[in-house]
């Protein structure tokens, strides 16, 4: 049986995929979303790396430097969200094992809140990256434009995966008004992600053919 205490980010791609396929709790959808976000951001960084220093884009050097730092931080944050997702799920498992008591109900409420907070953070981070990619779209080496659009598609996917995780956990939230607000916020972020990805595709259309 796979070791659920193992650092998922220390696994090879082959090992990570095998562990995701295995009959084990982690990595699950939230962890996969974090990895997808990190990879999507990395593609945007690659497109930027092959743009920085090109004479054609000299006037955008300051913007490129700013975006480079932001994207590097976002990739690290997505990686941290992988760990946060695993921790949130383990907390939920531990709460479920408790004997029925007010303490169990409180522990479950805290664990559920964390299980919702992690994908909501992933959505916000993906939206921030999409905003940066949109800024880069008309300042990007055209030979790397397909990678930029792929980056945007993966960030949109993170928002969609995270929306699923938010919605599945809302069934454990007793406060119907709070649950409704969370559902609406997640849906709005997903819609914004779709719109941003479409804007980036439109900006790259002349090169995509």
N, C-alpha and C. Protein backbone atom coordinates (compact mmCIF):
# COMPACT_ATOMS: atom_id res chain seq x y z
N UNK A 1 0.85 -1.20 0.00
CA UNK A 1 0.00 0.00 0.00
C UNK A 1 0.88 1.24 0.00
N UNK A 2 0.56 2.27 -0.80
CA UNK A 2 1.36 3.49 -0.83
C UNK A 2 1.42 4.15 0.55
N UNK A 3 2.53 4.76 0.84
CA UNK A 3 2.74 5.46 2.11
C UNK A 3 2.15 6.86 2.03
N UNK A 4 1.04 7.10 2.76
CA UNK A 4 0.34 8.38 2.67
C UNK A 4 1.09 9.50 3.39
N UNK A 5 2.12 9.15 4.17
CA UNK A 5 2.89 10.19 4.84
C UNK A 5 4.04 10.70 3.98
N UNK A 6 4.21 10.10 2.82
CA UNK A 6 5.33 10.46 1.96
C UNK A 6 5.11 11.83 1.33
N UNK A 7 6.20 12.56 1.13
CA UNK A 7 6.12 13.87 0.48
C UNK A 7 5.77 13.65 -0.99
N UNK A 8 4.56 14.05 -1.38
CA UNK A 8 4.11 13.79 -2.75
C UNK A 8 4.97 14.51 -3.77
N UNK A 9 5.49 15.67 -3.41
CA UNK A 9 6.29 16.44 -4.35
C UNK A 9 7.68 15.85 -4.55
N UNK A 10 8.05 14.89 -3.69
CA UNK A 10 9.34 14.22 -3.86
C UNK A 10 9.23 13.01 -4.79
N UNK A 11 8.01 12.67 -5.20
CA UNK A 11 7.80 11.54 -6.09
C UNK A 11 8.16 11.90 -7.53
N UNK A 12 8.56 10.92 -8.30
CA UNK A 12 8.71 11.14 -9.73
C UNK A 12 7.31 11.28 -10.34
N UNK A 13 7.25 11.76 -11.57
CA UNK A 13 5.95 11.87 -12.24
C UNK A 13 5.29 10.50 -12.32
N UNK A 14 6.06 9.48 -12.65
CA UNK A 14 5.53 8.12 -12.75
C UNK A 14 4.99 7.65 -11.40
N UNK A 15 5.73 7.91 -10.34
CA UNK A 15 5.30 7.49 -9.00
C UNK A 15 4.06 8.25 -8.55
N UNK A 16 4.02 9.55 -8.85
CA UNK A 16 2.86 10.35 -8.46
C UNK A 16 1.60 9.83 -9.15
N UNK A 17 1.70 9.56 -10.45
CA UNK A 17 0.56 9.05 -11.20
C UNK A 17 0.11 7.69 -10.65
N UNK A 18 1.07 6.84 -10.31
CA UNK A 18 0.73 5.53 -9.76
C UNK A 18 0.05 5.66 -8.41
N UNK A 19 0.54 6.58 -7.58
CA UNK A 19 -0.06 6.75 -6.27
C UNK A 19 -1.45 7.38 -6.38
N UNK A 20 -1.64 8.26 -7.36
CA UNK A 20 -2.97 8.84 -7.58
C UNK A 20 -3.95 7.75 -8.03
N UNK A 21 -3.45 6.77 -8.77
CA UNK A 21 -4.31 5.69 -9.26
C UNK A 21 -4.60 4.64 -8.19
N UNK A 22 -3.77 4.60 -7.14
CA UNK A 22 -3.87 3.54 -6.14
C UNK A 22 -5.07 3.75 -5.22
N UNK A 23 -5.42 2.69 -4.50
CA UNK A 23 -6.51 2.73 -3.52
C UNK A 23 -5.98 3.35 -2.23
N UNK A 24 -5.79 4.66 -2.29
CA UNK A 24 -5.28 5.41 -1.15
C UNK A 24 -5.89 6.80 -1.17
N UNK A 25 -5.97 7.42 -0.03
CA UNK A 25 -6.70 8.69 0.09
C UNK A 25 -6.01 9.85 -0.59
N UNK A 26 -4.68 9.84 -0.55
CA UNK A 26 -3.92 10.94 -1.16
C UNK A 26 -2.82 10.35 -2.04
N UNK A 27 -2.53 10.99 -3.17
CA UNK A 27 -3.10 12.24 -3.65
C UNK A 27 -4.49 12.06 -4.24
N UNK A 28 -5.34 13.06 -3.98
CA UNK A 28 -6.67 13.07 -4.56
C UNK A 28 -6.82 14.27 -5.46
N UNK A 29 -8.05 14.67 -5.68
CA UNK A 29 -8.31 15.76 -6.62
C UNK A 29 -7.65 17.07 -6.24
N UNK A 30 -7.61 17.37 -4.94
CA UNK A 30 -7.00 18.63 -4.51
C UNK A 30 -5.51 18.65 -4.73
N UNK A 31 -4.85 17.53 -4.44
CA UNK A 31 -3.41 17.44 -4.66
C UNK A 31 -3.08 17.52 -6.14
N UNK A 32 -3.88 16.83 -6.95
CA UNK A 32 -3.68 16.87 -8.39
C UNK A 32 -3.87 18.30 -8.91
N UNK A 33 -4.86 19.00 -8.39
CA UNK A 33 -5.08 20.39 -8.80
C UNK A 33 -3.86 21.25 -8.48
N UNK A 34 -3.25 21.03 -7.32
CA UNK A 34 -2.06 21.80 -6.96
C UNK A 34 -0.90 21.53 -7.91
N UNK A 35 -0.72 20.26 -8.27
CA UNK A 35 0.35 19.90 -9.21
C UNK A 35 0.06 20.48 -10.59
N UNK A 36 -1.19 20.39 -11.03
CA UNK A 36 -1.57 20.97 -12.32
C UNK A 36 -1.31 22.47 -12.33
N UNK A 37 -1.63 23.13 -11.22
CA UNK A 37 -1.37 24.57 -11.13
C UNK A 37 0.11 24.89 -11.21
N UNK A 38 0.92 24.09 -10.51
CA UNK A 38 2.37 24.31 -10.55
C UNK A 38 2.92 24.10 -11.95
N UNK A 39 2.44 23.06 -12.63
CA UNK A 39 2.91 22.79 -14.00
C UNK A 39 2.42 23.85 -14.97
N UNK A 40 1.17 24.27 -14.80
CA UNK A 40 0.65 25.32 -15.67
C UNK A 40 1.42 26.61 -15.52
N UNK A 41 1.70 26.97 -14.27
CA UNK A 41 2.48 28.17 -14.01
C UNK A 41 3.88 28.04 -14.60
N UNK A 42 4.46 26.85 -14.48
CA UNK A 42 5.80 26.61 -15.02
C UNK A 42 5.84 26.81 -16.53
N UNK A 43 4.78 26.41 -17.23
CA UNK A 43 4.73 26.64 -18.67
C UNK A 43 4.72 28.14 -18.98
N UNK A 44 3.97 28.90 -18.18
CA UNK A 44 3.98 30.34 -18.37
C UNK A 44 5.35 30.93 -18.11
N UNK A 45 6.04 30.41 -17.10
CA UNK A 45 7.40 30.86 -16.81
C UNK A 45 8.34 30.54 -17.97
N UNK A 46 8.16 29.36 -18.57
CA UNK A 46 9.01 29.00 -19.70
C UNK A 46 8.80 29.96 -20.86
N UNK A 47 7.53 30.26 -21.16
CA UNK A 47 7.24 31.21 -22.24
C UNK A 47 7.89 32.56 -21.96
N UNK A 48 7.86 32.96 -20.70
CA UNK A 48 8.47 34.23 -20.33
C UNK A 48 10.00 34.16 -20.43
N UNK A 49 10.57 33.04 -20.02
CA UNK A 49 12.03 32.90 -20.07
C UNK A 49 12.57 33.01 -21.49
N UNK A 50 11.81 32.49 -22.45
CA UNK A 50 12.23 32.57 -23.84
C UNK A 50 11.86 33.90 -24.50
N UNK A 51 11.25 34.79 -23.71
CA UNK A 51 10.90 36.12 -24.20
C UNK A 51 11.86 37.18 -23.66
N UNK A 52 12.24 37.02 -22.40
CA UNK A 52 13.15 37.97 -21.76
C UNK A 52 14.47 38.03 -22.53
N UNK A 53 14.91 39.25 -22.82
CA UNK A 53 16.17 39.44 -23.53
C UNK A 53 16.03 39.59 -25.03
N UNK A 54 14.84 39.30 -25.57
CA UNK A 54 14.62 39.48 -26.99
C UNK A 54 14.52 40.98 -27.31
N UNK A 55 15.25 41.43 -28.35
CA UNK A 55 15.26 42.85 -28.69
C UNK A 55 13.86 43.39 -28.96
N UNK A 56 13.04 42.56 -29.58
CA UNK A 56 11.69 42.96 -29.93
C UNK A 56 10.89 43.39 -28.71
N UNK A 57 11.25 42.85 -27.53
CA UNK A 57 10.46 43.09 -26.32
C UNK A 57 11.23 43.89 -25.27
N UNK A 58 12.28 44.59 -25.70
CA UNK A 58 13.11 45.35 -24.76
C UNK A 58 12.29 46.35 -23.95
N UNK A 59 11.32 46.98 -24.59
CA UNK A 59 10.52 47.99 -23.89
C UNK A 59 9.68 47.39 -22.76
N UNK A 60 9.53 46.06 -22.77
CA UNK A 60 8.72 45.41 -21.74
C UNK A 60 9.58 44.74 -20.66
N UNK A 61 10.86 45.09 -20.61
CA UNK A 61 11.78 44.42 -19.69
C UNK A 61 11.32 44.54 -18.23
N UNK A 62 10.85 45.71 -17.86
CA UNK A 62 10.42 45.90 -16.47
C UNK A 62 9.20 45.05 -16.16
N UNK A 63 8.25 45.02 -17.07
CA UNK A 63 7.06 44.20 -16.88
C UNK A 63 7.44 42.72 -16.82
N UNK A 64 8.35 42.29 -17.66
CA UNK A 64 8.79 40.90 -17.67
C UNK A 64 9.44 40.51 -16.34
N UNK A 65 10.26 41.39 -15.81
CA UNK A 65 10.92 41.11 -14.54
C UNK A 65 9.90 40.97 -13.41
N UNK A 66 8.90 41.85 -13.44
CA UNK A 66 7.84 41.80 -12.43
C UNK A 66 7.05 40.49 -12.54
N UNK A 67 6.68 40.11 -13.76
CA UNK A 67 5.92 38.89 -13.96
C UNK A 67 6.73 37.65 -13.61
N UNK A 68 8.01 37.68 -13.87
CA UNK A 68 8.87 36.55 -13.55
C UNK A 68 8.83 36.24 -12.05
N UNK A 69 8.94 37.26 -11.24
CA UNK A 69 8.89 37.06 -9.80
C UNK A 69 7.54 36.56 -9.33
N UNK A 70 6.48 37.12 -9.89
CA UNK A 70 5.13 36.72 -9.49
C UNK A 70 4.86 35.25 -9.86
N UNK A 71 5.24 34.86 -11.06
CA UNK A 71 4.98 33.49 -11.49
C UNK A 71 5.80 32.48 -10.68
N UNK A 72 7.03 32.82 -10.36
CA UNK A 72 7.85 31.92 -9.55
C UNK A 72 7.23 31.71 -8.17
N UNK A 73 6.73 32.80 -7.58
CA UNK A 73 6.07 32.68 -6.27
C UNK A 73 4.79 31.87 -6.38
N UNK A 74 4.04 32.06 -7.45
CA UNK A 74 2.79 31.31 -7.62
C UNK A 74 3.06 29.82 -7.74
N UNK A 75 4.11 29.45 -8.46
CA UNK A 75 4.45 28.02 -8.59
C UNK A 75 4.75 27.42 -7.22
N UNK A 76 5.50 28.14 -6.41
CA UNK A 76 5.81 27.66 -5.06
C UNK A 76 4.54 27.54 -4.21
N UNK A 77 3.63 28.49 -4.38
CA UNK A 77 2.39 28.47 -3.60
C UNK A 77 1.50 27.30 -4.02
N UNK A 78 1.46 26.98 -5.30
CA UNK A 78 0.70 25.81 -5.73
C UNK A 78 1.28 24.55 -5.11
N UNK A 79 2.60 24.46 -5.04
CA UNK A 79 3.24 23.30 -4.43
C UNK A 79 2.88 23.21 -2.95
N UNK A 80 2.82 24.34 -2.27
CA UNK A 80 2.43 24.32 -0.86
C UNK A 80 0.99 23.86 -0.71
N UNK A 81 0.14 24.22 -1.66
CA UNK A 81 -1.27 23.80 -1.59
C UNK A 81 -1.42 22.29 -1.71
N UNK A 82 -0.47 21.62 -2.36
CA UNK A 82 -0.49 20.16 -2.38
C UNK A 82 -0.37 19.63 -0.95
N UNK A 83 0.58 20.16 -0.21
CA UNK A 83 0.75 19.75 1.19
C UNK A 83 -0.47 20.14 2.02
N UNK A 84 -1.01 21.32 1.78
CA UNK A 84 -2.17 21.79 2.54
C UNK A 84 -3.38 20.90 2.31
N UNK A 85 -3.55 20.44 1.07
CA UNK A 85 -4.68 19.56 0.77
C UNK A 85 -4.55 18.23 1.50
N UNK A 86 -3.35 17.67 1.51
CA UNK A 86 -3.12 16.41 2.22
C UNK A 86 -3.40 16.59 3.71
N UNK A 87 -2.91 17.69 4.28
CA UNK A 87 -3.12 17.95 5.71
C UNK A 87 -4.60 18.12 6.03
N UNK A 88 -5.33 18.81 5.17
CA UNK A 88 -6.76 19.03 5.40
C UNK A 88 -7.51 17.70 5.40
N UNK A 89 -7.16 16.82 4.46
CA UNK A 89 -7.84 15.53 4.40
C UNK A 89 -7.52 14.68 5.62
N UNK A 90 -6.27 14.71 6.04
CA UNK A 90 -5.90 13.92 7.22
C UNK A 90 -6.64 14.42 8.46
N UNK A 91 -6.78 15.73 8.58
CA UNK A 91 -7.52 16.28 9.71
C UNK A 91 -8.97 15.81 9.69
N UNK A 92 -9.54 15.75 8.50
CA UNK A 92 -10.92 15.27 8.38
C UNK A 92 -11.01 13.80 8.79
N UNK A 93 -10.06 12.99 8.33
CA UNK A 93 -10.05 11.58 8.71
C UNK A 93 -9.95 11.41 10.22
N UNK A 94 -9.08 12.18 10.85
CA UNK A 94 -8.90 12.09 12.30
C UNK A 94 -10.18 12.50 13.03
N UNK A 95 -10.85 13.53 12.52
CA UNK A 95 -12.10 13.96 13.15
C UNK A 95 -13.17 12.88 13.03
N UNK A 96 -13.22 12.21 11.90
CA UNK A 96 -14.22 11.17 11.70
C UNK A 96 -14.00 9.98 12.63
N UNK A 97 -12.76 9.75 13.04
CA UNK A 97 -12.45 8.61 13.91
C UNK A 97 -12.80 8.89 15.38
N UNK A 98 -13.07 10.13 15.71
CA UNK A 98 -13.38 10.50 17.09
C UNK A 98 -14.74 9.92 17.51
N UNK A 99 -14.87 9.64 18.80
CA UNK A 99 -16.17 9.22 19.32
C UNK A 99 -17.15 10.39 19.22
N UNK A 100 -18.42 10.06 19.01
CA UNK A 100 -19.42 11.12 18.89
C UNK A 100 -19.45 11.98 20.15
N UNK A 101 -19.30 13.28 19.93
CA UNK A 101 -19.27 14.23 21.04
C UNK A 101 -19.29 15.63 20.45
N UNK A 102 -19.53 16.64 21.30
CA UNK A 102 -19.43 18.02 20.79
C UNK A 102 -18.04 18.31 20.21
N UNK A 103 -17.02 17.67 20.77
CA UNK A 103 -15.66 17.88 20.29
C UNK A 103 -15.50 17.34 18.87
N UNK A 104 -16.16 16.20 18.59
CA UNK A 104 -16.10 15.64 17.24
C UNK A 104 -16.78 16.58 16.25
N UNK A 105 -17.93 17.08 16.62
CA UNK A 105 -18.66 17.99 15.73
C UNK A 105 -17.83 19.24 15.43
N UNK A 106 -17.15 19.74 16.45
CA UNK A 106 -16.31 20.93 16.26
C UNK A 106 -15.12 20.61 15.37
N UNK A 107 -14.50 19.45 15.61
CA UNK A 107 -13.34 19.05 14.80
C UNK A 107 -13.74 18.85 13.34
N UNK A 108 -14.92 18.26 13.11
CA UNK A 108 -15.40 18.07 11.75
C UNK A 108 -15.67 19.41 11.06
N UNK A 109 -16.21 20.36 11.80
CA UNK A 109 -16.49 21.68 11.23
C UNK A 109 -15.19 22.37 10.82
N UNK A 110 -14.17 22.26 11.68
CA UNK A 110 -12.87 22.88 11.37
C UNK A 110 -12.23 22.19 10.17
N UNK A 111 -12.30 20.85 10.14
CA UNK A 111 -11.70 20.11 9.04
C UNK A 111 -12.42 20.39 7.72
N UNK A 112 -13.74 20.52 7.78
CA UNK A 112 -14.50 20.83 6.57
C UNK A 112 -14.15 22.22 6.05
N UNK A 113 -14.02 23.17 6.97
CA UNK A 113 -13.64 24.53 6.56
C UNK A 113 -12.30 24.52 5.85
N UNK A 114 -11.35 23.74 6.37
CA UNK A 114 -10.03 23.66 5.73
C UNK A 114 -10.14 22.99 4.36
N UNK A 115 -10.99 21.97 4.26
CA UNK A 115 -11.16 21.26 3.00
C UNK A 115 -11.78 22.15 1.93
N UNK A 116 -12.48 23.19 2.35
CA UNK A 116 -13.04 24.18 1.42
C UNK A 116 -12.04 25.30 1.16
N UNK A 117 -11.35 25.71 2.20
CA UNK A 117 -10.40 26.83 2.06
C UNK A 117 -9.28 26.51 1.07
N UNK A 118 -8.78 25.29 1.09
CA UNK A 118 -7.64 24.95 0.22
C UNK A 118 -8.02 25.10 -1.26
N UNK A 119 -9.11 24.51 -1.73
CA UNK A 119 -9.45 24.72 -3.14
C UNK A 119 -9.84 26.16 -3.46
N UNK A 120 -10.40 26.88 -2.50
CA UNK A 120 -10.71 28.29 -2.75
C UNK A 120 -9.41 29.08 -2.93
N UNK A 121 -8.38 28.76 -2.14
CA UNK A 121 -7.08 29.40 -2.32
C UNK A 121 -6.48 29.04 -3.67
N UNK A 122 -6.66 27.79 -4.09
CA UNK A 122 -6.15 27.37 -5.40
C UNK A 122 -6.82 28.15 -6.52
N UNK A 123 -8.12 28.39 -6.38
CA UNK A 123 -8.84 29.18 -7.38
C UNK A 123 -8.31 30.60 -7.45
N UNK A 124 -8.14 31.22 -6.30
CA UNK A 124 -7.65 32.60 -6.27
C UNK A 124 -6.24 32.68 -6.87
N UNK A 125 -5.42 31.72 -6.56
CA UNK A 125 -4.06 31.71 -7.09
C UNK A 125 -4.07 31.50 -8.60
N UNK A 126 -4.91 30.58 -9.07
CA UNK A 126 -5.00 30.34 -10.51
C UNK A 126 -5.49 31.59 -11.24
N UNK A 127 -6.42 32.31 -10.64
CA UNK A 127 -6.90 33.55 -11.24
C UNK A 127 -5.78 34.60 -11.32
N UNK A 128 -4.97 34.66 -10.28
CA UNK A 128 -3.85 35.60 -10.29
C UNK A 128 -2.87 35.26 -11.41
N UNK A 129 -2.59 33.97 -11.58
CA UNK A 129 -1.68 33.56 -12.66
C UNK A 129 -2.30 33.87 -14.02
N UNK A 130 -3.59 33.61 -14.17
CA UNK A 130 -4.26 33.92 -15.43
C UNK A 130 -4.18 35.41 -15.74
N UNK A 131 -4.31 36.24 -14.73
CA UNK A 131 -4.15 37.67 -14.93
C UNK A 131 -2.76 38.03 -15.42
N UNK A 132 -1.76 37.38 -14.84
CA UNK A 132 -0.38 37.62 -15.28
C UNK A 132 -0.15 37.12 -16.71
N UNK A 133 -0.74 35.98 -17.03
CA UNK A 133 -0.60 35.45 -18.39
C UNK A 133 -1.29 36.37 -19.40
N UNK A 134 -2.40 36.95 -18.99
CA UNK A 134 -3.10 37.88 -19.88
C UNK A 134 -2.22 39.10 -20.15
N UNK A 135 -1.52 39.57 -19.11
CA UNK A 135 -0.61 40.70 -19.28
C UNK A 135 0.54 40.34 -20.21
N UNK A 136 0.98 39.10 -20.15
CA UNK A 136 2.12 38.65 -20.95
C UNK A 136 1.73 38.34 -22.40
N UNK A 137 0.45 38.08 -22.64
CA UNK A 137 0.01 37.54 -23.93
C UNK A 137 0.46 38.36 -25.13
N UNK A 138 0.45 39.69 -25.00
CA UNK A 138 0.86 40.53 -26.13
C UNK A 138 2.31 41.00 -26.00
N UNK A 139 3.05 40.38 -25.08
CA UNK A 139 4.46 40.71 -24.87
C UNK A 139 5.29 39.43 -24.86
N UNK A 140 4.82 38.40 -25.57
CA UNK A 140 5.41 37.07 -25.50
C UNK A 140 6.04 36.67 -26.83
N UNK A 141 7.16 36.00 -26.75
CA UNK A 141 7.80 35.41 -27.92
C UNK A 141 6.76 34.55 -28.66
N UNK A 142 6.45 34.85 -29.91
CA UNK A 142 5.39 34.11 -30.61
C UNK A 142 5.67 32.62 -30.75
N UNK A 143 6.95 32.22 -30.71
CA UNK A 143 7.27 30.80 -30.79
C UNK A 143 6.84 30.03 -29.54
N UNK A 144 6.57 30.78 -28.47
CA UNK A 144 6.17 30.16 -27.21
C UNK A 144 4.70 30.40 -26.90
N UNK A 145 3.96 30.94 -27.84
CA UNK A 145 2.59 31.35 -27.56
C UNK A 145 1.69 30.15 -27.25
N UNK A 146 1.95 29.01 -27.88
CA UNK A 146 1.13 27.82 -27.59
C UNK A 146 1.34 27.36 -26.15
N UNK A 147 2.56 27.52 -25.63
CA UNK A 147 2.83 27.16 -24.24
C UNK A 147 2.13 28.12 -23.29
N UNK A 148 2.07 29.39 -23.68
CA UNK A 148 1.36 30.38 -22.86
C UNK A 148 -0.12 30.04 -22.79
N UNK A 149 -0.71 29.69 -23.93
CA UNK A 149 -2.13 29.33 -23.94
C UNK A 149 -2.36 28.03 -23.18
N UNK A 150 -1.44 27.08 -23.31
CA UNK A 150 -1.55 25.84 -22.54
C UNK A 150 -1.49 26.12 -21.04
N UNK A 151 -0.64 27.05 -20.65
CA UNK A 151 -0.56 27.46 -19.25
C UNK A 151 -1.91 27.98 -18.77
N UNK A 152 -2.54 28.81 -19.61
CA UNK A 152 -3.84 29.37 -19.25
C UNK A 152 -4.90 28.27 -19.14
N UNK A 153 -4.86 27.30 -20.05
CA UNK A 153 -5.82 26.20 -20.02
C UNK A 153 -5.68 25.38 -18.74
N UNK A 154 -4.45 25.15 -18.31
CA UNK A 154 -4.23 24.38 -17.09
C UNK A 154 -4.70 25.17 -15.86
N UNK A 155 -4.49 26.47 -15.86
CA UNK A 155 -4.95 27.28 -14.73
C UNK A 155 -6.48 27.32 -14.68
N UNK A 156 -7.11 27.36 -15.85
CA UNK A 156 -8.58 27.26 -15.88
C UNK A 156 -9.01 25.91 -15.31
N UNK A 157 -8.29 24.85 -15.67
CA UNK A 157 -8.61 23.51 -15.15
C UNK A 157 -8.50 23.47 -13.63
N UNK A 158 -7.51 24.16 -13.08
CA UNK A 158 -7.38 24.22 -11.62
C UNK A 158 -8.63 24.83 -11.00
N UNK A 159 -9.14 25.89 -11.60
CA UNK A 159 -10.36 26.52 -11.08
C UNK A 159 -11.54 25.56 -11.15
N UNK A 160 -11.62 24.80 -12.23
CA UNK A 160 -12.73 23.85 -12.38
C UNK A 160 -12.61 22.69 -11.38
N UNK A 161 -11.42 22.12 -11.26
CA UNK A 161 -11.19 21.04 -10.29
C UNK A 161 -11.50 21.52 -8.87
N UNK A 162 -11.07 22.73 -8.57
CA UNK A 162 -11.27 23.28 -7.23
C UNK A 162 -12.74 23.55 -6.97
N UNK A 163 -13.47 23.97 -7.99
CA UNK A 163 -14.91 24.17 -7.84
C UNK A 163 -15.60 22.87 -7.47
N UNK A 164 -15.19 21.76 -8.10
CA UNK A 164 -15.75 20.47 -7.73
C UNK A 164 -15.49 20.16 -6.25
N UNK A 165 -14.26 20.42 -5.81
CA UNK A 165 -13.90 20.12 -4.42
C UNK A 165 -14.65 21.00 -3.43
N UNK A 166 -14.85 22.25 -3.79
CA UNK A 166 -15.64 23.14 -2.93
C UNK A 166 -17.06 22.61 -2.81
N UNK A 167 -17.67 22.31 -3.94
CA UNK A 167 -19.07 21.91 -3.95
C UNK A 167 -19.32 20.60 -3.21
N UNK A 168 -18.40 19.64 -3.34
CA UNK A 168 -18.60 18.35 -2.67
C UNK A 168 -18.53 18.50 -1.15
N UNK A 169 -17.72 19.45 -0.69
CA UNK A 169 -17.57 19.65 0.75
C UNK A 169 -18.65 20.53 1.36
N UNK A 170 -19.35 21.28 0.53
CA UNK A 170 -20.40 22.16 1.05
C UNK A 170 -21.56 21.38 1.66
N UNK A 171 -21.69 20.11 1.30
CA UNK A 171 -22.73 19.28 1.91
C UNK A 171 -22.54 19.08 3.39
N UNK A 172 -21.33 19.35 3.88
CA UNK A 172 -21.02 19.21 5.30
C UNK A 172 -21.17 20.52 6.07
N UNK A 173 -21.55 21.59 5.36
CA UNK A 173 -21.69 22.90 6.00
C UNK A 173 -23.14 23.11 6.42
N UNK A 174 -23.37 23.30 7.71
CA UNK A 174 -24.73 23.44 8.22
C UNK A 174 -25.35 24.80 7.92
N UNK A 175 -24.51 25.82 7.87
CA UNK A 175 -25.00 27.17 7.62
C UNK A 175 -25.32 27.32 6.13
N UNK A 176 -26.61 27.28 5.80
CA UNK A 176 -27.01 27.29 4.38
C UNK A 176 -26.64 28.59 3.69
N UNK A 177 -26.73 29.70 4.40
CA UNK A 177 -26.37 30.99 3.80
C UNK A 177 -24.88 31.04 3.48
N UNK A 178 -24.07 30.56 4.41
CA UNK A 178 -22.62 30.53 4.18
C UNK A 178 -22.28 29.60 3.02
N UNK A 179 -22.95 28.44 2.98
CA UNK A 179 -22.71 27.49 1.89
C UNK A 179 -23.08 28.10 0.54
N UNK A 180 -24.20 28.82 0.52
CA UNK A 180 -24.63 29.47 -0.72
C UNK A 180 -23.63 30.51 -1.19
N UNK A 181 -23.10 31.27 -0.25
CA UNK A 181 -22.10 32.29 -0.59
C UNK A 181 -20.83 31.65 -1.14
N UNK A 182 -20.40 30.55 -0.51
CA UNK A 182 -19.20 29.87 -0.96
C UNK A 182 -19.40 29.27 -2.35
N UNK A 183 -20.58 28.70 -2.57
CA UNK A 183 -20.88 28.11 -3.88
C UNK A 183 -20.87 29.19 -4.97
N UNK A 184 -21.49 30.32 -4.66
CA UNK A 184 -21.54 31.41 -5.64
C UNK A 184 -20.15 31.98 -5.90
N UNK A 185 -19.36 32.14 -4.85
CA UNK A 185 -18.01 32.67 -5.02
C UNK A 185 -17.15 31.77 -5.88
N UNK A 186 -17.26 30.46 -5.66
CA UNK A 186 -16.50 29.51 -6.45
C UNK A 186 -16.95 29.54 -7.91
N UNK A 187 -18.25 29.59 -8.13
CA UNK A 187 -18.77 29.64 -9.50
C UNK A 187 -18.33 30.91 -10.22
N UNK A 188 -18.32 32.02 -9.51
CA UNK A 188 -17.89 33.29 -10.10
C UNK A 188 -16.42 33.24 -10.49
N UNK A 189 -15.60 32.64 -9.62
CA UNK A 189 -14.18 32.53 -9.93
C UNK A 189 -13.95 31.63 -11.14
N UNK A 190 -14.72 30.55 -11.23
CA UNK A 190 -14.60 29.67 -12.40
C UNK A 190 -14.98 30.41 -13.68
N UNK A 191 -16.06 31.18 -13.62
CA UNK A 191 -16.48 31.94 -14.80
C UNK A 191 -15.42 32.96 -15.20
N UNK A 192 -14.79 33.58 -14.22
CA UNK A 192 -13.73 34.55 -14.51
C UNK A 192 -12.53 33.85 -15.12
N UNK A 193 -12.21 32.65 -14.64
CA UNK A 193 -11.09 31.89 -15.20
C UNK A 193 -11.35 31.55 -16.67
N UNK A 194 -12.56 31.13 -16.97
CA UNK A 194 -12.91 30.81 -18.36
C UNK A 194 -12.76 32.05 -19.24
N UNK A 195 -13.25 33.19 -18.74
CA UNK A 195 -13.17 34.43 -19.52
C UNK A 195 -11.72 34.84 -19.76
N UNK A 196 -10.88 34.72 -18.75
CA UNK A 196 -9.48 35.08 -18.91
C UNK A 196 -8.77 34.16 -19.90
N UNK A 197 -9.04 32.87 -19.82
CA UNK A 197 -8.43 31.94 -20.77
C UNK A 197 -8.86 32.28 -22.20
N UNK A 198 -10.12 32.64 -22.36
CA UNK A 198 -10.61 33.02 -23.69
C UNK A 198 -9.94 34.30 -24.18
N UNK A 199 -9.72 35.26 -23.28
CA UNK A 199 -9.02 36.50 -23.65
C UNK A 199 -7.59 36.20 -24.10
N UNK A 200 -6.93 35.30 -23.39
CA UNK A 200 -5.54 34.95 -23.74
C UNK A 200 -5.51 34.24 -25.08
N UNK A 201 -6.44 33.35 -25.32
CA UNK A 201 -6.50 32.69 -26.62
C UNK A 201 -6.75 33.69 -27.74
N UNK A 202 -7.65 34.64 -27.48
CA UNK A 202 -7.95 35.64 -28.49
C UNK A 202 -6.72 36.48 -28.80
N UNK A 203 -5.95 36.84 -27.77
CA UNK A 203 -4.75 37.65 -27.97
C UNK A 203 -3.69 36.89 -28.75
N UNK A 204 -3.73 35.55 -28.65
CA UNK A 204 -2.73 34.72 -29.33
C UNK A 204 -3.22 34.17 -30.66
N UNK A 205 -4.43 34.53 -31.06
CA UNK A 205 -5.06 33.88 -32.20
C UNK A 205 -4.27 34.03 -33.50
N UNK A 206 -3.66 35.19 -33.69
CA UNK A 206 -2.94 35.41 -34.96
C UNK A 206 -1.77 34.45 -35.14
N UNK A 207 -1.24 33.95 -34.02
CA UNK A 207 -0.13 33.01 -34.10
C UNK A 207 -0.61 31.56 -34.10
N UNK A 208 -1.78 31.33 -33.49
CA UNK A 208 -2.29 29.97 -33.40
C UNK A 208 -2.90 29.51 -34.72
N UNK A 209 -3.35 30.44 -35.54
CA UNK A 209 -3.91 30.09 -36.83
C UNK A 209 -5.36 29.65 -36.73
